[in-house]
Amino acid sequence: MIGESVRAGLRRDGFALDWVRDGETARSALESEHYDAMLLDLGLPRLDGLSLLRELRGSQEPRASLPVLVITARDSISDRVGGLDAGADDYLVKPFDFEELAARLRALLRRHAGRTESLIEFGGLQYDTAARTLRIEGEPVVLSARELTILEALMDRPGAVLSKQQLEDRVYGWSEQVGSNAIEVHIHALRKKIGASRIRTVRGVGYMLVG
């Protein structure tokens, strides 16, 4: 019930996510996919969360620095200290308020990206990652949840080219059906709302945000 509730809430907030229910499957997912963060329950079957976390932090792969927010029913000081010492970036005890979970996740992602506040600004665009609102030259612009997610991905790396696959990974989870031209449709709609010249297509590579 908690997993389904968290998945639904994070999707409403514009996150794309994959939900797995045991440590072995989580290990396989980490080895095969790129993620921006992990929400980790310590009480996992097959491979417990603490062991998975220690494996992750001991890896020589780039994923070793993946931000991790531990969610657990273990609320003793020793459990929290153990989780943090094993490499968790933050710790949340059940039961928790979803708004706090989402806020902690956003803060964790900001820190990992080297930002100290929720506002991202580039080329006249002002995007608030906490409020999920966009302004252009101070004027509010309404975007759909998926348009906002694509824009945030582009604003995180202005001037860098993001492939169609990278954008799909930011917008859709494993269980969601993705049309072959879904990203193109979202980019087209986004250009109409923020200005076509702000998003450049690099043929055969992907899309980039320009000032």
C-alpha atoms as a PDB file:
ATOM      1  CA  MET A   1       0.000   0.000   0.000  1.00  0.00           C
ATOM      2  CA  ILE A   2       2.809   2.410   0.846  1.00  0.00           C
ATOM      3  CA  GLY A   3       4.690   1.598  -2.351  1.00  0.00           C
ATOM      4  CA  GLU A   4       1.620   2.141  -4.526  1.00  0.00           C
ATOM      5  CA  SER A   5       0.822   5.399  -2.737  1.00  0.00           C
ATOM      6  CA  VAL A   6       4.377   6.698  -3.134  1.00  0.00           C
ATOM      7  CA  ARG A   7       4.460   5.719  -6.809  1.00  0.00           C
ATOM      8  CA  ALA A   8       1.155   7.481  -7.530  1.00  0.00           C
ATOM      9  CA  GLY A   9       2.166  10.590  -5.599  1.00  0.00           C
ATOM     10  CA  LEU A  10       5.564  10.931  -7.246  1.00  0.00           C
ATOM     11  CA  ARG A  11       4.029  10.475 -10.686  1.00  0.00           C
ATOM     12  CA  ARG A  12       1.596  13.295  -9.901  1.00  0.00           C
ATOM     13  CA  ASP A  13       4.599  15.421  -8.976  1.00  0.00           C
ATOM     14  CA  GLY A  14       6.202  14.758 -12.369  1.00  0.00           C
ATOM     15  CA  PHE A  15       8.695  12.027 -11.452  1.00  0.00           C
ATOM     16  CA  ALA A  16       9.228   8.984 -13.649  1.00  0.00           C
ATOM     17  CA  LEU A  17      10.031   5.954 -11.534  1.00  0.00           C
ATOM     18  CA  ASP A  18      10.521   2.212 -11.493  1.00  0.00           C
ATOM     19  CA  TRP A  19       9.236   0.279  -8.469  1.00  0.00           C
ATOM     20  CA  VAL A  20      10.820  -3.049  -7.525  1.00  0.00           C
ATOM     21  CA  ARG A  21       9.981  -5.081  -4.428  1.00  0.00           C
ATOM     22  CA  ASP A  22      13.125  -6.987  -3.455  1.00  0.00           C
ATOM     23  CA  GLY A  23      16.829  -6.288  -3.154  1.00  0.00           C
ATOM     24  CA  GLU A  24      17.978  -8.648  -5.908  1.00  0.00           C
ATOM     25  CA  THR A  25      15.729  -6.990  -8.486  1.00  0.00           C
ATOM     26  CA  ALA A  26      16.846  -3.578  -7.252  1.00  0.00           C
ATOM     27  CA  ARG A  27      20.476  -4.600  -7.754  1.00  0.00           C
ATOM     28  CA  SER A  28      19.717  -5.697 -11.340  1.00  0.00           C
ATOM     29  CA  ALA A  29      17.878  -2.431 -12.040  1.00  0.00           C
ATOM     30  CA  LEU A  30      20.822  -0.383 -10.766  1.00  0.00           C
ATOM     31  CA  GLU A  31      23.190  -2.352 -12.991  1.00  0.00           C
ATOM     32  CA  SER A  32      21.108  -1.921 -16.148  1.00  0.00           C
ATOM     33  CA  GLU A  33      19.523   1.548 -15.842  1.00  0.00           C
ATOM     34  CA  HIS A  34      20.583   5.102 -15.009  1.00  0.00           C
ATOM     35  CA  TYR A  35      18.718   6.748 -12.138  1.00  0.00           C
ATOM     36  CA  ASP A  36      18.813  10.191 -10.541  1.00  0.00           C
ATOM     37  CA  ALA A  37      18.016   8.884  -7.047  1.00  0.00           C
ATOM     38  CA  MET A  38      16.868   5.824  -5.121  1.00  0.00           C
ATOM     39  CA  LEU A  39      14.185   5.543  -2.437  1.00  0.00           C
ATOM     40  CA  LEU A  40      15.260   2.487  -0.446  1.00  0.00           C
ATOM     41  CA  ASP A  41      13.303   0.473   2.106  1.00  0.00           C
ATOM     42  CA  LEU A  42      15.652  -1.392   4.463  1.00  0.00           C
ATOM     43  CA  GLY A  43      13.263  -4.316   5.031  1.00  0.00           C
ATOM     44  CA  LEU A  44      13.537  -5.881   1.582  1.00  0.00           C
ATOM     45  CA  PRO A  45      13.274  -9.639   0.869  1.00  0.00           C
ATOM     46  CA  ARG A  46      16.056 -11.624  -0.878  1.00  0.00           C
ATOM     47  CA  LEU A  47      18.662  -8.876  -0.269  1.00  0.00           C
ATOM     48  CA  ASP A  48      18.077  -6.414   2.559  1.00  0.00           C
ATOM     49  CA  GLY A  49      18.300  -2.691   1.920  1.00  0.00           C
ATOM     50  CA  LEU A  50      21.362  -2.086   4.098  1.00  0.00           C
ATOM     51  CA  SER A  51      23.359  -4.752   2.241  1.00  0.00           C
ATOM     52  CA  LEU A  52      22.259  -3.310  -1.100  1.00  0.00           C
ATOM     53  CA  LEU A  53      23.302   0.169   0.021  1.00  0.00           C
ATOM     54  CA  ARG A  54      26.737  -1.038   1.134  1.00  0.00           C
ATOM     55  CA  GLU A  55      27.200  -2.829  -2.204  1.00  0.00           C
ATOM     56  CA  LEU A  56      26.235   0.327  -4.083  1.00  0.00           C
ATOM     57  CA  ARG A  57      28.623   2.559  -2.158  1.00  0.00           C
ATOM     58  CA  GLY A  58      31.437   0.011  -2.534  1.00  0.00           C
ATOM     59  CA  SER A  59      31.033  -0.177  -6.299  1.00  0.00           C
ATOM     60  CA  GLN A  60      33.647   1.312  -8.616  1.00  0.00           C
ATOM     61  CA  GLU A  61      30.911   2.330 -11.065  1.00  0.00           C
ATOM     62  CA  PRO A  62      29.576   5.912 -11.435  1.00  0.00           C
ATOM     63  CA  ARG A  63      26.326   4.770  -9.828  1.00  0.00           C
ATOM     64  CA  ALA A  64      28.191   4.496  -6.509  1.00  0.00           C
ATOM     65  CA  SER A  65      27.418   8.189  -5.897  1.00  0.00           C
ATOM     66  CA  LEU A  66      23.673   7.784  -6.560  1.00  0.00           C
ATOM     67  CA  PRO A  67      21.659   9.826  -4.010  1.00  0.00           C
ATOM     68  CA  VAL A  68      19.795   7.490  -1.652  1.00  0.00           C
ATOM     69  CA  LEU A  69      16.842   8.328   0.598  1.00  0.00           C
ATOM     70  CA  VAL A  70      16.171   5.505   3.050  1.00  0.00           C
ATOM     71  CA  ILE A  71      12.546   4.816   4.005  1.00  0.00           C
ATOM     72  CA  THR A  72      12.060   2.435   6.912  1.00  0.00           C
ATOM     73  CA  ALA A  73      10.005   1.470   9.922  1.00  0.00           C
ATOM     74  CA  ARG A  74      13.211   1.073  11.943  1.00  0.00           C
ATOM     75  CA  ASP A  75      13.196   4.204  14.070  1.00  0.00           C
ATOM     76  CA  SER A  76      15.884   3.577  16.687  1.00  0.00           C
ATOM     77  CA  ILE A  77      18.911   5.867  16.811  1.00  0.00           C
ATOM     78  CA  SER A  78      21.228   2.924  16.099  1.00  0.00           C
ATOM     79  CA  ASP A  79      19.227   1.988  12.978  1.00  0.00           C
ATOM     80  CA  ARG A  80      19.363   5.555  11.683  1.00  0.00           C
ATOM     81  CA  VAL A  81      23.071   5.864  12.418  1.00  0.00           C
ATOM     82  CA  GLY A  82      23.677   2.515  10.711  1.00  0.00           C
ATOM     83  CA  GLY A  83      21.801   3.590   7.599  1.00  0.00           C
ATOM     84  CA  LEU A  84      23.580   6.926   7.361  1.00  0.00           C
ATOM     85  CA  ASP A  85      26.979   5.360   8.017  1.00  0.00           C
ATOM     86  CA  ALA A  86      26.293   2.793   5.276  1.00  0.00           C
ATOM     87  CA  GLY A  87      25.948   5.681   2.819  1.00  0.00           C
ATOM     88  CA  ALA A  88      22.367   6.952   2.927  1.00  0.00           C
ATOM     89  CA  ASP A  89      22.014  10.647   2.108  1.00  0.00           C
ATOM     90  CA  ASP A  90      18.776  11.054   4.081  1.00  0.00           C
ATOM     91  CA  TYR A  91      16.494   8.966   6.273  1.00  0.00           C
ATOM     92  CA  LEU A  92      12.704   8.983   6.657  1.00  0.00           C
ATOM     93  CA  VAL A  93      10.803   6.856   9.178  1.00  0.00           C
ATOM     94  CA  LYS A  94       7.373   5.324   8.493  1.00  0.00           C
ATOM     95  CA  PRO A  95       4.694   6.506   8.787  1.00  0.00           C
ATOM     96  CA  PHE A  96       5.597   9.690   6.945  1.00  0.00           C
ATOM     97  CA  ASP A  97       3.796  12.512   5.190  1.00  0.00           C
ATOM     98  CA  PHE A  98       4.077  12.311   1.411  1.00  0.00           C
ATOM     99  CA  GLU A  99       4.749  16.048   1.092  1.00  0.00           C
ATOM    100  CA  GLU A 100       7.797  15.661   3.327  1.00  0.00           C
ATOM    101  CA  LEU A 101       9.031  12.710   1.270  1.00  0.00           C
ATOM    102  CA  ALA A 102       8.694  14.687  -1.978  1.00  0.00           C
ATOM    103  CA  ALA A 103      10.406  17.735  -0.441  1.00  0.00           C
ATOM    104  CA  ARG A 104      13.307  15.650   0.873  1.00  0.00           C
ATOM    105  CA  LEU A 105      13.686  13.985  -2.535  1.00  0.00           C
ATOM    106  CA  ARG A 106      13.760  17.344  -4.329  1.00  0.00           C
ATOM    107  CA  ALA A 107      16.312  18.680  -1.844  1.00  0.00           C
ATOM    108  CA  LEU A 108      18.473  15.590  -2.318  1.00  0.00           C
ATOM    109  CA  LEU A 109      18.371  15.995  -6.102  1.00  0.00           C
ATOM    110  CA  ARG A 110      19.234  19.702  -5.811  1.00  0.00           C
ATOM    111  CA  ARG A 111      22.263  18.981  -3.641  1.00  0.00           C
ATOM    112  CA  HIS A 112      23.457  16.269  -6.012  1.00  0.00           C
ATOM    113  CA  ALA A 113      23.144  18.706  -8.932  1.00  0.00           C
ATOM    114  CA  GLY A 114      25.085  21.356  -6.994  1.00  0.00           C
ATOM    115  CA  ARG A 115      22.122  23.699  -6.547  1.00  0.00           C
ATOM    116  CA  THR A 116      21.128  25.310  -3.252  1.00  0.00           C
ATOM    117  CA  GLU A 117      17.645  26.511  -4.176  1.00  0.00           C
ATOM    118  CA  SER A 118      14.655  25.290  -6.134  1.00  0.00           C
ATOM    119  CA  LEU A 119      14.703  28.027  -8.804  1.00  0.00           C
ATOM    120  CA  ILE A 120      16.477  27.287 -12.099  1.00  0.00           C
ATOM    121  CA  GLU A 121      16.947  30.224 -14.471  1.00  0.00           C
ATOM    122  CA  PHE A 122      18.181  30.208 -18.055  1.00  0.00           C
ATOM    123  CA  GLY A 123      17.584  32.453 -21.059  1.00  0.00           C
ATOM    124  CA  GLY A 124      14.580  34.259 -19.576  1.00  0.00           C
ATOM    125  CA  LEU A 125      13.042  31.028 -18.211  1.00  0.00           C
ATOM    126  CA  GLN A 126      12.443  30.735 -14.463  1.00  0.00           C
ATOM    127  CA  TYR A 127      11.456  27.233 -13.366  1.00  0.00           C
ATOM    128  CA  ASP A 128      10.655  26.434  -9.729  1.00  0.00           C
ATOM    129  CA  THR A 129      11.321  22.727  -9.194  1.00  0.00           C
ATOM    130  CA  ALA A 130       9.472  22.679  -5.853  1.00  0.00           C
ATOM    131  CA  ALA A 131       6.297  24.465  -6.978  1.00  0.00           C
ATOM    132  CA  ARG A 132       6.538  22.973 -10.510  1.00  0.00           C
ATOM    133  CA  THR A 133       5.807  26.387 -12.044  1.00  0.00           C
ATOM    134  CA  LEU A 134       7.327  28.177 -15.021  1.00  0.00           C
ATOM    135  CA  ARG A 135       7.656  31.869 -15.751  1.00  0.00           C
ATOM    136  CA  ILE A 136       9.029  33.459 -18.901  1.00  0.00           C
ATOM    137  CA  GLU A 137      10.376  36.948 -18.310  1.00  0.00           C
ATOM    138  CA  GLY A 138       8.287  36.947 -15.113  1.00  0.00           C
ATOM    139  CA  GLU A 139       5.015  35.901 -16.774  1.00  0.00           C
ATOM    140  CA  PRO A 140       3.457  32.545 -15.751  1.00  0.00           C
ATOM    141  CA  VAL A 141       3.194  29.842 -18.426  1.00  0.00           C
ATOM    142  CA  VAL A 142       1.097  26.701 -17.914  1.00  0.00           C
ATOM    143  CA  LEU A 143       2.685  23.404 -18.976  1.00  0.00           C
ATOM    144  CA  SER A 144       1.522  19.812 -18.596  1.00  0.00           C
ATOM    145  CA  ALA A 145       3.309  17.583 -16.081  1.00  0.00           C
ATOM    146  CA  ARG A 146       5.300  15.813 -18.798  1.00  0.00           C
ATOM    147  CA  GLU A 147       6.189  19.068 -20.558  1.00  0.00           C
ATOM    148  CA  LEU A 148       7.506  20.367 -17.230  1.00  0.00           C
ATOM    149  CA  THR A 149       9.567  17.208 -16.736  1.00  0.00           C
ATOM    150  CA  ILE A 150      11.150  17.531 -20.189  1.00  0.00           C
ATOM    151  CA  LEU A 151      11.835  21.221 -19.653  1.00  0.00           C
ATOM    152  CA  GLU A 152      13.441  20.512 -16.277  1.00  0.00           C
ATOM    153  CA  ALA A 153      15.693  17.885 -17.867  1.00  0.00           C
ATOM    154  CA  LEU A 154      16.797  20.392 -20.517  1.00  0.00           C
ATOM    155  CA  MET A 155      17.250  23.195 -17.969  1.00  0.00           C
ATOM    156  CA  ASP A 156      19.362  20.938 -15.758  1.00  0.00           C
ATOM    157  CA  ARG A 157      21.907  20.795 -18.601  1.00  0.00           C
ATOM    158  CA  PRO A 158      21.478  23.902 -20.784  1.00  0.00           C
ATOM    159  CA  GLY A 159      23.519  23.708 -23.953  1.00  0.00           C
ATOM    160  CA  ALA A 160      23.906  19.922 -23.651  1.00  0.00           C
ATOM    161  CA  VAL A 161      22.196  17.604 -26.123  1.00  0.00           C
ATOM    162  CA  LEU A 162      19.797  15.094 -24.556  1.00  0.00           C
ATOM    163  CA  SER A 163      18.767  12.100 -26.629  1.00  0.00           C
ATOM    164  CA  LYS A 164      15.204  10.959 -27.139  1.00  0.00           C
ATOM    165  CA  GLN A 165      15.966   7.935 -24.934  1.00  0.00           C
ATOM    166  CA  GLN A 166      17.288  10.143 -22.119  1.00  0.00           C
ATOM    167  CA  LEU A 167      14.118  12.231 -22.207  1.00  0.00           C
ATOM    168  CA  GLU A 168      11.914   9.118 -22.294  1.00  0.00           C
ATOM    169  CA  ASP A 169      13.730   7.838 -19.203  1.00  0.00           C
ATOM    170  CA  ARG A 170      12.955  11.099 -17.396  1.00  0.00           C
ATOM    171  CA  VAL A 171       9.262  11.041 -18.344  1.00  0.00           C
ATOM    172  CA  TYR A 172       8.228   7.363 -18.309  1.00  0.00           C
ATOM    173  CA  GLY A 173       8.693   4.411 -15.965  1.00  0.00           C
ATOM    174  CA  TRP A 174       8.947   0.742 -16.933  1.00  0.00           C
ATOM    175  CA  SER A 175       5.231   0.037 -16.630  1.00  0.00           C
ATOM    176  CA  GLU A 176       4.105   2.919 -18.835  1.00  0.00           C
ATOM    177  CA  GLN A 177       3.394   2.568 -22.540  1.00  0.00           C
ATOM    178  CA  VAL A 178       5.475   4.961 -24.655  1.00  0.00           C
ATOM    179  CA  GLY A 179       4.422   5.879 -28.179  1.00  0.00           C
ATOM    180  CA  SER A 180       7.179   5.958 -30.787  1.00  0.00           C
ATOM    181  CA  ASN A 181       6.736   9.707 -31.288  1.00  0.00           C
ATOM    182  CA  ALA A 182       5.715  10.651 -27.731  1.00  0.00           C
ATOM    183  CA  ILE A 183       8.780  12.814 -27.070  1.00  0.00           C
ATOM    184  CA  GLU A 184       8.435  14.585 -30.409  1.00  0.00           C
ATOM    185  CA  VAL A 185       4.814  15.426 -29.547  1.00  0.00           C
ATOM    186  CA  HIS A 186       5.804  16.834 -26.148  1.00  0.00           C
ATOM    187  CA  ILE A 187       8.674  18.841 -27.664  1.00  0.00           C
ATOM    188  CA  HIS A 188       6.318  20.278 -30.290  1.00  0.00           C
ATOM    189  CA  ALA A 189       3.846  21.373 -27.596  1.00  0.00           C
ATOM    190  CA  LEU A 190       6.647  22.764 -25.445  1.00  0.00           C
ATOM    191  CA  ARG A 191       8.016  24.837 -28.322  1.00  0.00           C
ATOM    192  CA  LYS A 192       4.600  26.375 -28.926  1.00  0.00           C
ATOM    193  CA  LYS A 193       4.425  27.493 -25.293  1.00  0.00           C
ATOM    194  CA  ILE A 194       7.984  28.705 -24.618  1.00  0.00           C
ATOM    195  CA  GLY A 195       9.130  29.645 -28.124  1.00  0.00           C
ATOM    196  CA  ALA A 196      10.365  27.345 -30.877  1.00  0.00           C
ATOM    197  CA  SER A 197      13.844  28.898 -30.947  1.00  0.00           C
ATOM    198  CA  ARG A 198      14.558  27.901 -27.335  1.00  0.00           C
ATOM    199  CA  ILE A 199      14.743  24.163 -28.133  1.00  0.00           C
ATOM    200  CA  ARG A 200      17.122  23.148 -30.877  1.00  0.00           C
ATOM    201  CA  THR A 201      16.992  19.781 -32.631  1.00  0.00           C
ATOM    202  CA  VAL A 202      20.383  18.196 -33.283  1.00  0.00           C
ATOM    203  CA  ARG A 203      19.600  15.752 -36.048  1.00  0.00           C
ATOM    204  CA  GLY A 204      20.305  12.139 -35.190  1.00  0.00           C
ATOM    205  CA  VAL A 205      21.335  13.077 -31.640  1.00  0.00           C
ATOM    206  CA  GLY A 206      18.562  14.796 -29.685  1.00  0.00           C
ATOM    207  CA  TYR A 207      17.475  18.137 -28.281  1.00  0.00           C
ATOM    208  CA  MET A 208      19.154  21.011 -26.477  1.00  0.00           C
ATOM    209  CA  LEU A 209      18.010  24.169 -24.698  1.00  0.00           C
ATOM    210  CA  VAL A 210      19.524  27.395 -26.034  1.00  0.00           C
ATOM    211  CA  GLY A 211      19.403  30.919 -24.592  1.00  0.00           C
END
